[in-house]
Amino acid sequence: MRPRSSANDDLGQEVTAFVVADKVTAAELVDFVARTLSAHKRPRQIRFLDTLPRNAMGKVQKHLLAG
């Protein structure tokens, strides 16, 4: 899971988790983060992807996730 911030009209930004996984559901992730993270650190959105966008060096292209 890779958290990122996305736009929010009231708060400015909110945490979004981008997940590349086959055998986990959004409900399982919500339950896990509820037990392990403070409320203000929990993702407000969970997005499942087949792969994370990477550049030639293998680094995640975060700007592509924000859009």
N, C-alpha and C. Protein backbone atom coordinates (compact mmCIF):
# COMPACT_ATOMS: atom_id res chain seq x y z
N MET A 1 0.85 -1.15 0.00
CA MET A 1 0.00 0.00 0.00
C MET A 1 0.90 1.22 0.00
N ARG A 2 0.56 2.16 -0.87
CA ARG A 2 1.36 3.38 -0.95
C ARG A 2 0.44 4.57 -0.74
N PRO A 3 0.52 5.25 0.40
CA PRO A 3 -0.35 6.40 0.61
C PRO A 3 0.09 7.61 -0.19
N ARG A 4 -0.87 8.35 -0.67
CA ARG A 4 -0.62 9.62 -1.37
C ARG A 4 -1.70 10.60 -0.93
N SER A 5 -1.49 11.85 -1.17
CA SER A 5 -2.47 12.87 -0.84
C SER A 5 -3.24 13.25 -2.10
N SER A 6 -4.51 13.52 -1.93
CA SER A 6 -5.32 14.02 -3.03
C SER A 6 -6.06 15.27 -2.54
N ALA A 7 -6.62 16.01 -3.47
CA ALA A 7 -7.25 17.28 -3.14
C ALA A 7 -8.51 17.07 -2.30
N ASN A 8 -8.72 18.00 -1.37
CA ASN A 8 -9.92 18.02 -0.54
C ASN A 8 -10.27 19.49 -0.34
N ASP A 9 -11.52 19.85 -0.63
CA ASP A 9 -11.92 21.26 -0.56
C ASP A 9 -11.80 21.84 0.85
N ASP A 10 -12.11 21.05 1.87
CA ASP A 10 -12.09 21.56 3.24
C ASP A 10 -10.70 21.49 3.87
N LEU A 11 -10.00 20.38 3.68
CA LEU A 11 -8.75 20.14 4.37
C LEU A 11 -7.51 20.45 3.54
N GLY A 12 -7.65 20.61 2.27
CA GLY A 12 -6.51 20.85 1.39
C GLY A 12 -6.03 19.57 0.73
N GLN A 13 -5.70 18.55 1.54
CA GLN A 13 -5.29 17.26 1.01
C GLN A 13 -5.81 16.16 1.91
N GLU A 14 -5.94 14.96 1.36
CA GLU A 14 -6.31 13.80 2.16
C GLU A 14 -5.52 12.60 1.66
N VAL A 15 -5.33 11.63 2.50
CA VAL A 15 -4.51 10.46 2.18
C VAL A 15 -5.28 9.49 1.30
N THR A 16 -4.63 9.03 0.24
CA THR A 16 -5.17 8.00 -0.65
C THR A 16 -4.17 6.86 -0.69
N ALA A 17 -4.65 5.63 -0.55
CA ALA A 17 -3.78 4.45 -0.63
C ALA A 17 -3.94 3.82 -2.01
N PHE A 18 -2.81 3.62 -2.69
CA PHE A 18 -2.79 2.92 -3.97
C PHE A 18 -2.26 1.53 -3.69
N VAL A 19 -3.07 0.52 -3.98
CA VAL A 19 -2.77 -0.85 -3.58
C VAL A 19 -2.60 -1.74 -4.80
N VAL A 20 -1.51 -2.50 -4.81
CA VAL A 20 -1.28 -3.52 -5.83
C VAL A 20 -1.27 -4.85 -5.08
N ALA A 21 -2.41 -5.54 -5.11
CA ALA A 21 -2.54 -6.81 -4.38
C ALA A 21 -3.68 -7.62 -4.99
N ASP A 22 -3.54 -8.93 -4.96
CA ASP A 22 -4.56 -9.81 -5.51
C ASP A 22 -5.53 -10.33 -4.46
N LYS A 23 -5.02 -10.58 -3.27
CA LYS A 23 -5.83 -11.31 -2.29
C LYS A 23 -6.20 -10.49 -1.07
N VAL A 24 -6.51 -9.23 -1.27
CA VAL A 24 -6.94 -8.38 -0.17
C VAL A 24 -8.11 -7.52 -0.66
N THR A 25 -9.05 -7.29 0.24
CA THR A 25 -10.22 -6.47 -0.12
C THR A 25 -10.10 -5.11 0.56
N ALA A 26 -10.89 -4.18 0.08
CA ALA A 26 -10.90 -2.85 0.69
C ALA A 26 -11.34 -2.93 2.15
N ALA A 27 -12.30 -3.80 2.44
CA ALA A 27 -12.77 -3.95 3.83
C ALA A 27 -11.66 -4.47 4.74
N GLU A 28 -10.85 -5.39 4.24
CA GLU A 28 -9.73 -5.91 5.03
C GLU A 28 -8.69 -4.81 5.29
N LEU A 29 -8.43 -4.00 4.29
CA LEU A 29 -7.48 -2.89 4.46
C LEU A 29 -8.00 -1.85 5.46
N VAL A 30 -9.28 -1.53 5.36
CA VAL A 30 -9.87 -0.57 6.28
C VAL A 30 -9.77 -1.09 7.72
N ASP A 31 -10.06 -2.37 7.91
CA ASP A 31 -9.96 -2.98 9.24
C ASP A 31 -8.52 -2.95 9.74
N PHE A 32 -7.56 -3.27 8.88
CA PHE A 32 -6.15 -3.28 9.26
C PHE A 32 -5.68 -1.89 9.68
N VAL A 33 -5.97 -0.88 8.86
CA VAL A 33 -5.48 0.46 9.21
C VAL A 33 -6.21 1.03 10.42
N ALA A 34 -7.44 0.61 10.64
CA ALA A 34 -8.17 1.06 11.84
C ALA A 34 -7.48 0.56 13.11
N ARG A 35 -6.87 -0.61 13.03
CA ARG A 35 -6.17 -1.19 14.18
C ARG A 35 -4.75 -0.67 14.32
N THR A 36 -4.15 -0.18 13.25
CA THR A 36 -2.73 0.14 13.30
C THR A 36 -2.37 1.62 13.14
N LEU A 37 -3.27 2.43 12.64
CA LEU A 37 -2.95 3.84 12.39
C LEU A 37 -3.89 4.77 13.16
N SER A 38 -3.37 5.93 13.50
CA SER A 38 -4.21 6.97 14.10
C SER A 38 -5.23 7.42 13.06
N ALA A 39 -6.34 7.95 13.54
CA ALA A 39 -7.44 8.34 12.65
C ALA A 39 -6.99 9.33 11.58
N HIS A 40 -6.13 10.30 11.93
CA HIS A 40 -5.73 11.31 10.94
C HIS A 40 -4.74 10.76 9.91
N LYS A 41 -4.19 9.57 10.13
CA LYS A 41 -3.26 8.96 9.19
C LYS A 41 -3.93 7.94 8.26
N ARG A 42 -5.15 7.59 8.54
CA ARG A 42 -5.85 6.57 7.75
C ARG A 42 -6.22 7.11 6.37
N PRO A 43 -6.07 6.28 5.34
CA PRO A 43 -6.45 6.74 4.00
C PRO A 43 -7.96 6.96 3.91
N ARG A 44 -8.34 8.01 3.23
CA ARG A 44 -9.77 8.32 2.99
C ARG A 44 -10.25 7.61 1.74
N GLN A 45 -9.32 7.27 0.86
CA GLN A 45 -9.65 6.55 -0.37
C GLN A 45 -8.68 5.39 -0.53
N ILE A 46 -9.16 4.31 -1.11
CA ILE A 46 -8.31 3.17 -1.45
C ILE A 46 -8.54 2.88 -2.92
N ARG A 47 -7.45 2.87 -3.68
CA ARG A 47 -7.55 2.58 -5.12
C ARG A 47 -6.69 1.36 -5.43
N PHE A 48 -7.28 0.39 -6.10
CA PHE A 48 -6.56 -0.82 -6.50
C PHE A 48 -6.03 -0.65 -7.92
N LEU A 49 -4.76 -0.99 -8.10
CA LEU A 49 -4.11 -0.89 -9.40
C LEU A 49 -3.47 -2.22 -9.76
N ASP A 50 -3.31 -2.46 -11.06
CA ASP A 50 -2.58 -3.66 -11.50
C ASP A 50 -1.09 -3.49 -11.24
N THR A 51 -0.57 -2.30 -11.51
CA THR A 51 0.84 -1.98 -11.26
C THR A 51 0.95 -0.50 -10.92
N LEU A 52 2.03 -0.15 -10.26
CA LEU A 52 2.32 1.26 -10.01
C LEU A 52 3.11 1.80 -11.20
N PRO A 53 2.83 3.04 -11.63
CA PRO A 53 3.59 3.61 -12.74
C PRO A 53 5.04 3.87 -12.30
N ARG A 54 5.98 3.38 -13.08
CA ARG A 54 7.40 3.53 -12.75
C ARG A 54 8.15 4.12 -13.93
N ASN A 55 9.25 4.80 -13.62
CA ASN A 55 10.10 5.34 -14.68
C ASN A 55 11.17 4.30 -15.03
N ALA A 56 12.09 4.67 -15.90
CA ALA A 56 13.13 3.74 -16.36
C ALA A 56 14.04 3.27 -15.22
N MET A 57 14.16 4.07 -14.17
CA MET A 57 15.00 3.70 -13.02
C MET A 57 14.25 2.86 -11.99
N GLY A 58 12.96 2.64 -12.22
CA GLY A 58 12.16 1.84 -11.32
C GLY A 58 11.48 2.62 -10.19
N LYS A 59 11.61 3.95 -10.21
CA LYS A 59 10.99 4.76 -9.19
C LYS A 59 9.52 5.00 -9.52
N VAL A 60 8.68 5.02 -8.49
CA VAL A 60 7.25 5.26 -8.68
C VAL A 60 7.05 6.70 -9.13
N GLN A 61 6.25 6.87 -10.18
CA GLN A 61 5.95 8.20 -10.71
C GLN A 61 4.71 8.74 -9.99
N LYS A 62 4.93 9.37 -8.85
CA LYS A 62 3.86 9.82 -7.98
C LYS A 62 2.95 10.83 -8.64
N HIS A 63 3.52 11.66 -9.51
CA HIS A 63 2.70 12.67 -10.18
C HIS A 63 1.61 12.04 -11.05
N LEU A 64 1.82 10.84 -11.54
CA LEU A 64 0.82 10.15 -12.35
C LEU A 64 -0.31 9.60 -11.47
N LEU A 65 -0.01 9.32 -10.22
CA LEU A 65 -1.04 8.82 -9.31
C LEU A 65 -1.96 9.94 -8.83
N ALA A 66 -1.44 11.12 -8.73
CA ALA A 66 -2.21 12.25 -8.19
C ALA A 66 -3.35 12.68 -9.10
N GLY A 67 -3.27 12.39 -10.38
CA GLY A 67 -4.27 12.88 -11.33
C GLY A 67 -5.51 12.14 -11.39
